[in-house]
Amino acid sequence: MSEKRTQPRKICDNRIDILDAESNQVVGNLVNISLSGFMMITNKALPENYVFQFVIVFSPGSTDSTSIRVGAESLWLQEIEGSSQCWIGFHIIDISEQDQARIGELIGNWRE
């Protein structure tokens, strides 16, 4: 399979929750992120080719909590064999300039 990514991605070392922006419920955890998309692991059945509104919470419970709001389209889903979980890839389609800059900063601050 050929690589389609045009932007570098960073793998997340820590647990980073992804919340449904409307219900404020955790729907999954961030696996990796780039300026144009991200991958999550979840145990919820989410449809492909669907637009979601998420809040990605980078520092839950801290006084300087960093969260980013994104509109993202689910592009693909892959079930994890022998598990109730699946990987889901998203393309970011709606994000403020400020939140996009935050992603860039976070990616730059994370080690390879």
C-alpha atoms as a PDB file:
ATOM      1  CA  MET A   1       0.000   0.000   0.000  1.00  0.00           C
ATOM      2  CA  SER A   2       1.407   3.399  -0.931  1.00  0.00           C
ATOM      3  CA  GLU A   3       1.742   6.167   1.644  1.00  0.00           C
ATOM      4  CA  LYS A   4      -0.821   8.943   1.075  1.00  0.00           C
ATOM      5  CA  ARG A   5       0.151  11.273   3.933  1.00  0.00           C
ATOM      6  CA  THR A   6       1.594  14.614   2.942  1.00  0.00           C
ATOM      7  CA  GLN A   7       2.247  15.866   6.491  1.00  0.00           C
ATOM      8  CA  PRO A   8       4.312  14.372   9.295  1.00  0.00           C
ATOM      9  CA  ARG A   9       2.379  12.728  12.095  1.00  0.00           C
ATOM     10  CA  LYS A  10       3.261  12.256  15.727  1.00  0.00           C
ATOM     11  CA  ILE A  11       2.416   9.167  17.726  1.00  0.00           C
ATOM     12  CA  CYS A  12       0.911   9.888  21.138  1.00  0.00           C
ATOM     13  CA  ASP A  13       2.746   8.433  24.110  1.00  0.00           C
ATOM     14  CA  ASN A  14       0.134   9.407  26.702  1.00  0.00           C
ATOM     15  CA  ARG A  15      -3.597   8.836  26.907  1.00  0.00           C
ATOM     16  CA  ILE A  16      -5.336  11.692  25.134  1.00  0.00           C
ATOM     17  CA  ASP A  17      -9.131  11.593  25.225  1.00  0.00           C
ATOM     18  CA  ILE A  18     -11.323  12.521  22.292  1.00  0.00           C
ATOM     19  CA  LEU A  19     -14.757  13.762  23.319  1.00  0.00           C
ATOM     20  CA  ASP A  20     -17.939  14.120  21.319  1.00  0.00           C
ATOM     21  CA  ALA A  21     -18.372  17.918  21.297  1.00  0.00           C
ATOM     22  CA  GLU A  22     -22.139  17.717  21.783  1.00  0.00           C
ATOM     23  CA  SER A  23     -22.412  15.127  24.580  1.00  0.00           C
ATOM     24  CA  ASN A  24     -18.980  15.746  26.156  1.00  0.00           C
ATOM     25  CA  GLN A  25     -18.566  11.940  26.395  1.00  0.00           C
ATOM     26  CA  VAL A  26     -15.272  10.202  25.631  1.00  0.00           C
ATOM     27  CA  VAL A  27     -15.536   8.383  22.288  1.00  0.00           C
ATOM     28  CA  GLY A  28     -11.932   7.247  21.966  1.00  0.00           C
ATOM     29  CA  ASN A  29      -8.258   7.961  22.465  1.00  0.00           C
ATOM     30  CA  LEU A  30      -5.827   9.691  20.151  1.00  0.00           C
ATOM     31  CA  VAL A  31      -3.231   7.392  18.560  1.00  0.00           C
ATOM     32  CA  ASN A  32      -1.471   9.866  16.253  1.00  0.00           C
ATOM     33  CA  ILE A  33      -2.053  13.313  14.801  1.00  0.00           C
ATOM     34  CA  SER A  34      -0.887  15.592  12.001  1.00  0.00           C
ATOM     35  CA  LEU A  35      -2.016  19.017  10.869  1.00  0.00           C
ATOM     36  CA  SER A  36      -4.501  17.406   8.484  1.00  0.00           C
ATOM     37  CA  GLY A  37      -5.805  14.372  10.346  1.00  0.00           C
ATOM     38  CA  PHE A  38      -5.611  11.907  13.198  1.00  0.00           C
ATOM     39  CA  MET A  39      -6.248   8.314  14.181  1.00  0.00           C
ATOM     40  CA  MET A  40      -8.189   7.183  17.225  1.00  0.00           C
ATOM     41  CA  ILE A  41      -8.773   3.872  18.939  1.00  0.00           C
ATOM     42  CA  THR A  42     -12.310   3.313  20.177  1.00  0.00           C
ATOM     43  CA  ASN A  43     -14.732   0.652  21.302  1.00  0.00           C
ATOM     44  CA  LYS A  44     -17.703   2.521  19.850  1.00  0.00           C
ATOM     45  CA  ALA A  45     -19.173   1.723  16.456  1.00  0.00           C
ATOM     46  CA  LEU A  46     -18.730   4.923  14.453  1.00  0.00           C
ATOM     47  CA  PRO A  47     -19.729   5.142  10.788  1.00  0.00           C
ATOM     48  CA  GLU A  48     -17.284   5.746   7.958  1.00  0.00           C
ATOM     49  CA  ASN A  49     -17.652   8.814   5.714  1.00  0.00           C
ATOM     50  CA  TYR A  50     -19.374  10.754   8.460  1.00  0.00           C
ATOM     51  CA  VAL A  51     -18.587  14.191   9.892  1.00  0.00           C
ATOM     52  CA  PHE A  52     -18.071  14.488  13.638  1.00  0.00           C
ATOM     53  CA  GLN A  53     -17.418  17.387  15.994  1.00  0.00           C
ATOM     54  CA  PHE A  54     -14.732  16.462  18.538  1.00  0.00           C
ATOM     55  CA  VAL A  55     -12.822  18.009  21.390  1.00  0.00           C
ATOM     56  CA  ILE A  56      -9.318  16.578  21.794  1.00  0.00           C
ATOM     57  CA  VAL A  57      -8.197  17.029  25.410  1.00  0.00           C
ATOM     58  CA  PHE A  58      -4.404  17.060  25.760  1.00  0.00           C
ATOM     59  CA  SER A  59      -4.108  17.872  29.488  1.00  0.00           C
ATOM     60  CA  PRO A  60      -7.221  16.674  31.342  1.00  0.00           C
ATOM     61  CA  GLY A  61      -7.618  17.887  34.902  1.00  0.00           C
ATOM     62  CA  SER A  62      -4.749  20.380  34.841  1.00  0.00           C
ATOM     63  CA  THR A  63      -5.170  24.113  35.349  1.00  0.00           C
ATOM     64  CA  ASP A  64      -3.586  24.778  31.945  1.00  0.00           C
ATOM     65  CA  SER A  65      -5.698  22.210  30.115  1.00  0.00           C
ATOM     66  CA  THR A  66      -5.194  22.289  26.382  1.00  0.00           C
ATOM     67  CA  SER A  67      -8.086  21.213  24.214  1.00  0.00           C
ATOM     68  CA  ILE A  68      -8.680  21.513  20.512  1.00  0.00           C
ATOM     69  CA  ARG A  69     -12.040  21.529  18.735  1.00  0.00           C
ATOM     70  CA  VAL A  70     -12.185  19.926  15.303  1.00  0.00           C
ATOM     71  CA  GLY A  71     -14.700  18.934  12.704  1.00  0.00           C
ATOM     72  CA  ALA A  72     -13.444  15.679  11.207  1.00  0.00           C
ATOM     73  CA  GLU A  73     -14.604  13.189   8.600  1.00  0.00           C
ATOM     74  CA  SER A  74     -14.121   9.491   9.272  1.00  0.00           C
ATOM     75  CA  LEU A  75     -12.255   8.006   6.306  1.00  0.00           C
ATOM     76  CA  TRP A  76     -11.700   4.392   7.267  1.00  0.00           C
ATOM     77  CA  LEU A  77     -12.274   1.912  10.055  1.00  0.00           C
ATOM     78  CA  GLN A  78     -10.311  -1.225  10.914  1.00  0.00           C
ATOM     79  CA  GLU A  79     -11.516  -3.645  13.570  1.00  0.00           C
ATOM     80  CA  ILE A  80      -8.867  -5.079  15.871  1.00  0.00           C
ATOM     81  CA  GLU A  81      -9.075  -8.846  15.625  1.00  0.00           C
ATOM     82  CA  GLY A  82     -10.048 -10.518  18.887  1.00  0.00           C
ATOM     83  CA  SER A  83     -11.067  -7.213  20.438  1.00  0.00           C
ATOM     84  CA  SER A  84     -14.113  -4.979  20.680  1.00  0.00           C
ATOM     85  CA  GLN A  85     -11.950  -2.029  19.640  1.00  0.00           C
ATOM     86  CA  CYS A  86     -11.186  -0.517  16.268  1.00  0.00           C
ATOM     87  CA  TRP A  87      -8.889   2.045  14.673  1.00  0.00           C
ATOM     88  CA  ILE A  88     -10.536   4.956  12.853  1.00  0.00           C
ATOM     89  CA  GLY A  89      -8.768   7.450  10.596  1.00  0.00           C
ATOM     90  CA  PHE A  90     -10.048  11.026  10.318  1.00  0.00           C
ATOM     91  CA  HIS A  91      -9.412  13.971   8.041  1.00  0.00           C
ATOM     92  CA  ILE A  92      -9.715  17.357   9.769  1.00  0.00           C
ATOM     93  CA  ILE A  93     -12.148  19.488   7.786  1.00  0.00           C
ATOM     94  CA  ASP A  94     -12.955  22.278  10.253  1.00  0.00           C
ATOM     95  CA  ILE A  95     -10.546  23.839  12.747  1.00  0.00           C
ATOM     96  CA  SER A  96      -9.810  27.357  13.920  1.00  0.00           C
ATOM     97  CA  GLU A  97      -6.480  28.934  13.018  1.00  0.00           C
ATOM     98  CA  GLN A  98      -5.642  29.086  16.718  1.00  0.00           C
ATOM     99  CA  ASP A  99      -6.312  25.363  17.238  1.00  0.00           C
ATOM    100  CA  GLN A 100      -4.373  24.447  14.100  1.00  0.00           C
ATOM    101  CA  ALA A 101      -1.425  26.435  15.471  1.00  0.00           C
ATOM    102  CA  ARG A 102      -1.790  24.519  18.763  1.00  0.00           C
ATOM    103  CA  ILE A 103      -1.520  21.216  16.909  1.00  0.00           C
ATOM    104  CA  GLY A 104       1.615  22.475  15.186  1.00  0.00           C
ATOM    105  CA  GLU A 105       3.103  23.487  18.536  1.00  0.00           C
ATOM    106  CA  LEU A 106       2.210  20.168  20.144  1.00  0.00           C
ATOM    107  CA  ILE A 107       3.688  18.216  17.248  1.00  0.00           C
ATOM    108  CA  GLY A 108       6.856  20.299  17.443  1.00  0.00           C
ATOM    109  CA  ASN A 109       7.140  19.742  21.198  1.00  0.00           C
ATOM    110  CA  TRP A 110       6.626  15.968  21.059  1.00  0.00           C
ATOM    111  CA  ARG A 111       9.759  13.962  20.584  1.00  0.00           C
ATOM    112  CA  GLU A 112      10.197  11.652  17.615  1.00  0.00           C
END
